[in-house]
Amino acid sequence: MLQAAVRAFSRKGFAAARVQDIARAAGVAEGTVFHQFGSKQGLLVAVGERYGQGMARAAFGGVGADIQPGQASVVVHNIFEYVRKTEGSLAAFLLTNDPAEGGPAQDANRRQMLAAIEAMLERWMERGLIRPVDPRVSAAIQFGLVENALRDCFLREKGEREEEYVREVTACLTGYLSPTSD
C-alpha cells in the first residue's frame, strides 16, 4: 500500500491522488487502506515516516555509532545521495514549499531525522566530542540547513550542483559542531 501511495502522491500530488486508485494499485480493498492508516492523510504520514526512516538509515547506518563530528561530510553526502537515488518525484513532493501537499509527510520525515540527529549529538556530548548543546534545538537547526539545501539543490537546481551543496552544508555543519576545546 505504501508503494502504491508513493507512486500516486509523487505523480498526482496529495490532493489529486485518490485512495480508491491507491487501493486498486496495491491490490487491496479501499477499506483496507482506511483500516490500516485511518485516512488519506494518515497514509501520507506513513509515506513520510517511511521516507524519513530510509533517509536516517542512509545518513547514519553505514557509518555506525563510532562516527566522529569531523565526518559530517559522509553523513551529508549519504543524505544527498539518498534523495537523488530515491524516486525523484517523491523527493520533490516531500521537499515542496506547499504545506497542503507535502506538509504532513514532511513533518513525519523530519521527526525521523531529528530523532537520529539528536541521538548522535547526545552520544557525541557523552563522549566529550562536541561542546554541550541542546540536542533537540541543535538537531532542528542542523536538519533545517540540510532540508533547505536539499530543497534548493533538487527543486531549483535540478540536482545540477549537488557537489557544491554537499561541500557547503558540510562546511557549515563542521563549523557549527566545534570541538569541546577551542
C-alpha atoms as a PDB file:
ATOM      1  CA  MET A   1       0.000   0.000   0.000  1.00  0.00           C
ATOM      2  CA  LEU A   2       2.819   2.394   0.812  1.00  0.00           C
ATOM      3  CA  GLN A   3       4.498   1.831  -2.558  1.00  0.00           C
ATOM      4  CA  ALA A   4       1.215   2.475  -4.344  1.00  0.00           C
ATOM      5  CA  ALA A   5       0.749   5.629  -2.267  1.00  0.00           C
ATOM      6  CA  VAL A   6       4.280   6.782  -3.069  1.00  0.00           C
ATOM      7  CA  ARG A   7       3.593   6.423  -6.783  1.00  0.00           C
ATOM      8  CA  ALA A   8       0.210   8.156  -6.587  1.00  0.00           C
ATOM      9  CA  PHE A   9       1.324  11.043  -4.367  1.00  0.00           C
ATOM     10  CA  SER A  10       4.505  11.654  -6.348  1.00  0.00           C
ATOM     11  CA  ARG A  11       2.745  11.587  -9.708  1.00  0.00           C
ATOM     12  CA  LYS A  12      -0.501  13.366  -8.872  1.00  0.00           C
ATOM     13  CA  GLY A  13       0.154  15.178  -5.605  1.00  0.00           C
ATOM     14  CA  PHE A  14      -1.768  14.602  -2.403  1.00  0.00           C
ATOM     15  CA  ALA A  15      -4.969  16.427  -3.339  1.00  0.00           C
ATOM     16  CA  ALA A  16      -5.454  14.699  -6.690  1.00  0.00           C
ATOM     17  CA  ALA A  17      -4.463  11.195  -5.568  1.00  0.00           C
ATOM     18  CA  ARG A  18      -7.473   9.013  -4.774  1.00  0.00           C
ATOM     19  CA  VAL A  19      -7.492   6.340  -2.094  1.00  0.00           C
ATOM     20  CA  GLN A  20      -9.585   4.139  -4.385  1.00  0.00           C
ATOM     21  CA  ASP A  21      -6.823   4.227  -7.021  1.00  0.00           C
ATOM     22  CA  ILE A  22      -4.109   3.596  -4.427  1.00  0.00           C
ATOM     23  CA  ALA A  23      -6.001   0.590  -3.064  1.00  0.00           C
ATOM     24  CA  ARG A  24      -6.555  -0.808  -6.547  1.00  0.00           C
ATOM     25  CA  ALA A  25      -2.848  -0.423  -7.395  1.00  0.00           C
ATOM     26  CA  ALA A  26      -1.923  -2.159  -4.127  1.00  0.00           C
ATOM     27  CA  GLY A  27      -4.372  -4.992  -4.786  1.00  0.00           C
ATOM     28  CA  VAL A  28      -6.422  -4.349  -1.646  1.00  0.00           C
ATOM     29  CA  ALA A  29      -9.887  -3.074  -0.868  1.00  0.00           C
ATOM     30  CA  GLU A  30     -10.266   0.656  -0.236  1.00  0.00           C
ATOM     31  CA  GLY A  31     -11.482  -0.142   3.280  1.00  0.00           C
ATOM     32  CA  THR A  32      -8.190  -1.885   3.996  1.00  0.00           C
ATOM     33  CA  VAL A  33      -6.319   1.361   3.401  1.00  0.00           C
ATOM     34  CA  PHE A  34      -8.608   3.209   5.805  1.00  0.00           C
ATOM     35  CA  HIS A  35      -8.395   0.389   8.351  1.00  0.00           C
ATOM     36  CA  GLN A  36      -4.586   0.382   8.212  1.00  0.00           C
ATOM     37  CA  PHE A  37      -3.955   4.156   8.065  1.00  0.00           C
ATOM     38  CA  GLY A  38      -7.196   5.763   9.247  1.00  0.00           C
ATOM     39  CA  SER A  39      -7.389   8.320   6.446  1.00  0.00           C
ATOM     40  CA  LYS A  40      -5.721   9.520   3.299  1.00  0.00           C
ATOM     41  CA  GLN A  41      -3.674  11.908   5.430  1.00  0.00           C
ATOM     42  CA  GLY A  42      -2.677   9.010   7.699  1.00  0.00           C
ATOM     43  CA  LEU A  43      -1.383   7.241   4.618  1.00  0.00           C
ATOM     44  CA  LEU A  44       0.543  10.380   3.673  1.00  0.00           C
ATOM     45  CA  VAL A  45       2.122  10.495   7.136  1.00  0.00           C
ATOM     46  CA  ALA A  46       3.128   6.825   6.826  1.00  0.00           C
ATOM     47  CA  VAL A  47       4.810   7.598   3.494  1.00  0.00           C
ATOM     48  CA  GLY A  48       6.765  10.436   5.144  1.00  0.00           C
ATOM     49  CA  GLU A  49       7.760   8.242   8.099  1.00  0.00           C
ATOM     50  CA  ARG A  50       8.995   5.522   5.788  1.00  0.00           C
ATOM     51  CA  TYR A  51      10.997   8.011   3.740  1.00  0.00           C
ATOM     52  CA  GLY A  52      12.479   9.516   6.924  1.00  0.00           C
ATOM     53  CA  GLN A  53      13.455   6.090   8.230  1.00  0.00           C
ATOM     54  CA  GLY A  54      15.190   5.356   4.944  1.00  0.00           C
ATOM     55  CA  MET A  55      16.929   8.723   4.976  1.00  0.00           C
ATOM     56  CA  ALA A  56      18.136   8.218   8.562  1.00  0.00           C
ATOM     57  CA  ARG A  57      19.426   4.727   7.716  1.00  0.00           C
ATOM     58  CA  ALA A  58      21.192   6.106   4.653  1.00  0.00           C
ATOM     59  CA  ALA A  59      22.683   9.003   6.613  1.00  0.00           C
ATOM     60  CA  PHE A  60      23.881   7.140   9.699  1.00  0.00           C
ATOM     61  CA  GLY A  61      23.555   3.412   9.058  1.00  0.00           C
ATOM     62  CA  GLY A  62      26.710   2.996   7.038  1.00  0.00           C
ATOM     63  CA  VAL A  63      28.896   4.991   9.400  1.00  0.00           C
ATOM     64  CA  GLY A  64      27.835   3.353  12.653  1.00  0.00           C
ATOM     65  CA  ALA A  65      27.832   4.605  16.203  1.00  0.00           C
ATOM     66  CA  ASP A  66      31.537   5.481  16.101  1.00  0.00           C
ATOM     67  CA  ILE A  67      31.103   8.335  13.651  1.00  0.00           C
ATOM     68  CA  GLN A  68      33.026  11.458  14.634  1.00  0.00           C
ATOM     69  CA  PRO A  69      31.889  15.091  14.235  1.00  0.00           C
ATOM     70  CA  GLY A  70      34.613  15.602  11.628  1.00  0.00           C
ATOM     71  CA  GLN A  71      32.913  13.018   9.421  1.00  0.00           C
ATOM     72  CA  ALA A  72      29.916  15.238   8.705  1.00  0.00           C
ATOM     73  CA  SER A  73      30.751  15.088   5.004  1.00  0.00           C
ATOM     74  CA  VAL A  74      29.937  11.353   4.929  1.00  0.00           C
ATOM     75  CA  VAL A  75      26.527  11.914   6.536  1.00  0.00           C
ATOM     76  CA  VAL A  76      25.689  14.881   4.293  1.00  0.00           C
ATOM     77  CA  HIS A  77      26.804  13.005   1.182  1.00  0.00           C
ATOM     78  CA  ASN A  78      24.691   9.989   2.208  1.00  0.00           C
ATOM     79  CA  ILE A  79      21.597  12.168   2.647  1.00  0.00           C
ATOM     80  CA  PHE A  80      22.015  13.857  -0.735  1.00  0.00           C
ATOM     81  CA  GLU A  81      22.680  10.510  -2.392  1.00  0.00           C
ATOM     82  CA  TYR A  82      19.545   9.024  -0.814  1.00  0.00           C
ATOM     83  CA  VAL A  83      17.379  11.857  -2.107  1.00  0.00           C
ATOM     84  CA  ARG A  84      18.951  11.607  -5.562  1.00  0.00           C
ATOM     85  CA  LYS A  85      18.542   7.833  -5.769  1.00  0.00           C
ATOM     86  CA  THR A  86      15.032   7.585  -4.379  1.00  0.00           C
ATOM     87  CA  GLU A  87      12.124   8.256  -6.616  1.00  0.00           C
ATOM     88  CA  GLY A  88      12.788  11.843  -7.709  1.00  0.00           C
ATOM     89  CA  SER A  89       9.198  12.937  -7.829  1.00  0.00           C
ATOM     90  CA  LEU A  90       8.667  11.714  -4.266  1.00  0.00           C
ATOM     91  CA  ALA A  91      11.654  13.733  -3.097  1.00  0.00           C
ATOM     92  CA  ALA A  92      10.177  16.785  -4.825  1.00  0.00           C
ATOM     93  CA  PHE A  93       6.844  16.081  -3.160  1.00  0.00           C
ATOM     94  CA  LEU A  94       8.472  15.807   0.266  1.00  0.00           C
ATOM     95  CA  LEU A  95      10.513  18.962  -0.331  1.00  0.00           C
ATOM     96  CA  THR A  96       7.687  21.065  -1.732  1.00  0.00           C
ATOM     97  CA  ASN A  97       7.018  24.515  -0.308  1.00  0.00           C
ATOM     98  CA  ASP A  98       3.263  23.835  -0.412  1.00  0.00           C
ATOM     99  CA  PRO A  99       2.228  22.634   3.067  1.00  0.00           C
ATOM    100  CA  ALA A 100      -1.134  21.433   1.747  1.00  0.00           C
ATOM    101  CA  GLU A 101       0.636  18.943  -0.488  1.00  0.00           C
ATOM    102  CA  GLY A 102       3.568  17.557   1.466  1.00  0.00           C
ATOM    103  CA  GLY A 103       3.265  19.078   4.937  1.00  0.00           C
ATOM    104  CA  PRO A 104       2.253  16.010   6.971  1.00  0.00           C
ATOM    105  CA  ALA A 105       4.746  13.814   5.103  1.00  0.00           C
ATOM    106  CA  GLN A 106       7.489  16.402   5.580  1.00  0.00           C
ATOM    107  CA  ASP A 107       6.724  16.565   9.288  1.00  0.00           C
ATOM    108  CA  ALA A 108       6.876  12.776   9.586  1.00  0.00           C
ATOM    109  CA  ASN A 109      10.137  12.654   7.617  1.00  0.00           C
ATOM    110  CA  ARG A 110      11.546  15.441   9.771  1.00  0.00           C
ATOM    111  CA  ARG A 111      10.642  13.657  13.038  1.00  0.00           C
ATOM    112  CA  GLN A 112      12.593  10.582  11.934  1.00  0.00           C
ATOM    113  CA  MET A 113      15.663  12.610  11.011  1.00  0.00           C
ATOM    114  CA  LEU A 114      15.557  14.784  14.139  1.00  0.00           C
ATOM    115  CA  ALA A 115      15.454  11.685  16.355  1.00  0.00           C
ATOM    116  CA  ALA A 116      18.505  10.246  14.579  1.00  0.00           C
ATOM    117  CA  ILE A 117      20.449  13.515  14.788  1.00  0.00           C
ATOM    118  CA  GLU A 118      19.529  14.043  18.459  1.00  0.00           C
ATOM    119  CA  ALA A 119      20.766  10.550  19.326  1.00  0.00           C
ATOM    120  CA  MET A 120      24.050  11.210  17.525  1.00  0.00           C
ATOM    121  CA  LEU A 121      24.524  14.573  19.294  1.00  0.00           C
ATOM    122  CA  GLU A 122      23.844  13.003  22.684  1.00  0.00           C
ATOM    123  CA  ARG A 123      26.462  10.297  22.027  1.00  0.00           C
ATOM    124  CA  TRP A 124      28.994  12.931  20.988  1.00  0.00           C
ATOM    125  CA  MET A 125      28.357  15.040  24.086  1.00  0.00           C
ATOM    126  CA  GLU A 126      28.645  11.983  26.352  1.00  0.00           C
ATOM    127  CA  ARG A 127      31.998  11.193  24.746  1.00  0.00           C
ATOM    128  CA  GLY A 128      33.145  14.831  25.005  1.00  0.00           C
ATOM    129  CA  LEU A 129      33.489  15.211  21.239  1.00  0.00           C
ATOM    130  CA  ILE A 130      31.391  18.368  20.927  1.00  0.00           C
ATOM    131  CA  ARG A 131      30.575  21.265  23.197  1.00  0.00           C
ATOM    132  CA  PRO A 132      27.343  20.929  25.165  1.00  0.00           C
ATOM    133  CA  VAL A 133      24.277  21.789  23.085  1.00  0.00           C
ATOM    134  CA  ASP A 134      20.533  21.401  23.410  1.00  0.00           C
ATOM    135  CA  PRO A 135      20.216  18.268  21.248  1.00  0.00           C
ATOM    136  CA  ARG A 136      16.643  18.965  20.165  1.00  0.00           C
ATOM    137  CA  VAL A 137      17.324  22.562  19.102  1.00  0.00           C
ATOM    138  CA  SER A 138      20.670  21.704  17.562  1.00  0.00           C
ATOM    139  CA  ALA A 139      19.148  18.822  15.578  1.00  0.00           C
ATOM    140  CA  ALA A 140      16.403  21.138  14.294  1.00  0.00           C
ATOM    141  CA  ILE A 141      18.963  23.736  13.196  1.00  0.00           C
ATOM    142  CA  GLN A 142      21.179  21.168  11.517  1.00  0.00           C
ATOM    143  CA  PHE A 143      18.398  19.367   9.695  1.00  0.00           C
ATOM    144  CA  GLY A 144      16.826  22.697   8.746  1.00  0.00           C
ATOM    145  CA  LEU A 145      20.061  23.559   6.954  1.00  0.00           C
ATOM    146  CA  VAL A 146      20.161  20.187   5.235  1.00  0.00           C
ATOM    147  CA  GLU A 147      16.476  20.300   4.324  1.00  0.00           C
ATOM    148  CA  ASN A 148      16.761  23.761   2.778  1.00  0.00           C
ATOM    149  CA  ALA A 149      19.880  22.765   0.883  1.00  0.00           C
ATOM    150  CA  LEU A 150      18.096  19.659  -0.450  1.00  0.00           C
ATOM    151  CA  ARG A 151      15.130  21.777  -1.499  1.00  0.00           C
ATOM    152  CA  ASP A 152      17.343  24.294  -3.291  1.00  0.00           C
ATOM    153  CA  CYS A 153      19.588  21.666  -4.855  1.00  0.00           C
ATOM    154  CA  PHE A 154      16.943  19.269  -6.138  1.00  0.00           C
ATOM    155  CA  LEU A 155      13.955  21.532  -6.798  1.00  0.00           C
ATOM    156  CA  ARG A 156      15.588  24.727  -8.007  1.00  0.00           C
ATOM    157  CA  GLU A 157      18.876  23.455  -9.387  1.00  0.00           C
ATOM    158  CA  LYS A 158      17.511  20.040 -10.519  1.00  0.00           C
ATOM    159  CA  GLY A 159      20.487  18.363  -8.824  1.00  0.00           C
ATOM    160  CA  GLU A 160      22.977  20.072 -11.129  1.00  0.00           C
ATOM    161  CA  ARG A 161      25.185  21.459  -8.332  1.00  0.00           C
ATOM    162  CA  GLU A 162      24.910  18.644  -5.815  1.00  0.00           C
ATOM    163  CA  GLU A 163      28.637  18.514  -5.062  1.00  0.00           C
ATOM    164  CA  GLU A 164      28.706  22.215  -4.231  1.00  0.00           C
ATOM    165  CA  TYR A 165      25.706  21.861  -1.916  1.00  0.00           C
ATOM    166  CA  VAL A 166      27.254  18.890  -0.132  1.00  0.00           C
ATOM    167  CA  ARG A 167      30.522  20.799   0.307  1.00  0.00           C
ATOM    168  CA  GLU A 168      28.854  23.947   1.669  1.00  0.00           C
ATOM    169  CA  VAL A 169      26.467  22.118   4.010  1.00  0.00           C
ATOM    170  CA  THR A 170      29.406  20.096   5.316  1.00  0.00           C
ATOM    171  CA  ALA A 171      31.413  23.288   5.934  1.00  0.00           C
ATOM    172  CA  CYS A 172      28.502  24.835   7.846  1.00  0.00           C
ATOM    173  CA  LEU A 173      27.912  21.750   9.978  1.00  0.00           C
ATOM    174  CA  THR A 174      31.607  21.240  10.671  1.00  0.00           C
ATOM    175  CA  GLY A 175      31.901  24.830  11.869  1.00  0.00           C
ATOM    176  CA  TYR A 176      28.764  24.510  13.973  1.00  0.00           C
ATOM    177  CA  LEU A 177      29.924  21.278  15.611  1.00  0.00           C
ATOM    178  CA  SER A 178      33.014  22.816  17.120  1.00  0.00           C
ATOM    179  CA  PRO A 179      35.067  20.615  19.434  1.00  0.00           C
ATOM    180  CA  THR A 180      34.881  20.971  23.194  1.00  0.00           C
ATOM    181  CA  SER A 181      38.267  22.689  23.335  1.00  0.00           C
ATOM    182  CA  ASP A 182      38.980  25.647  21.079  1.00  0.00           C
END
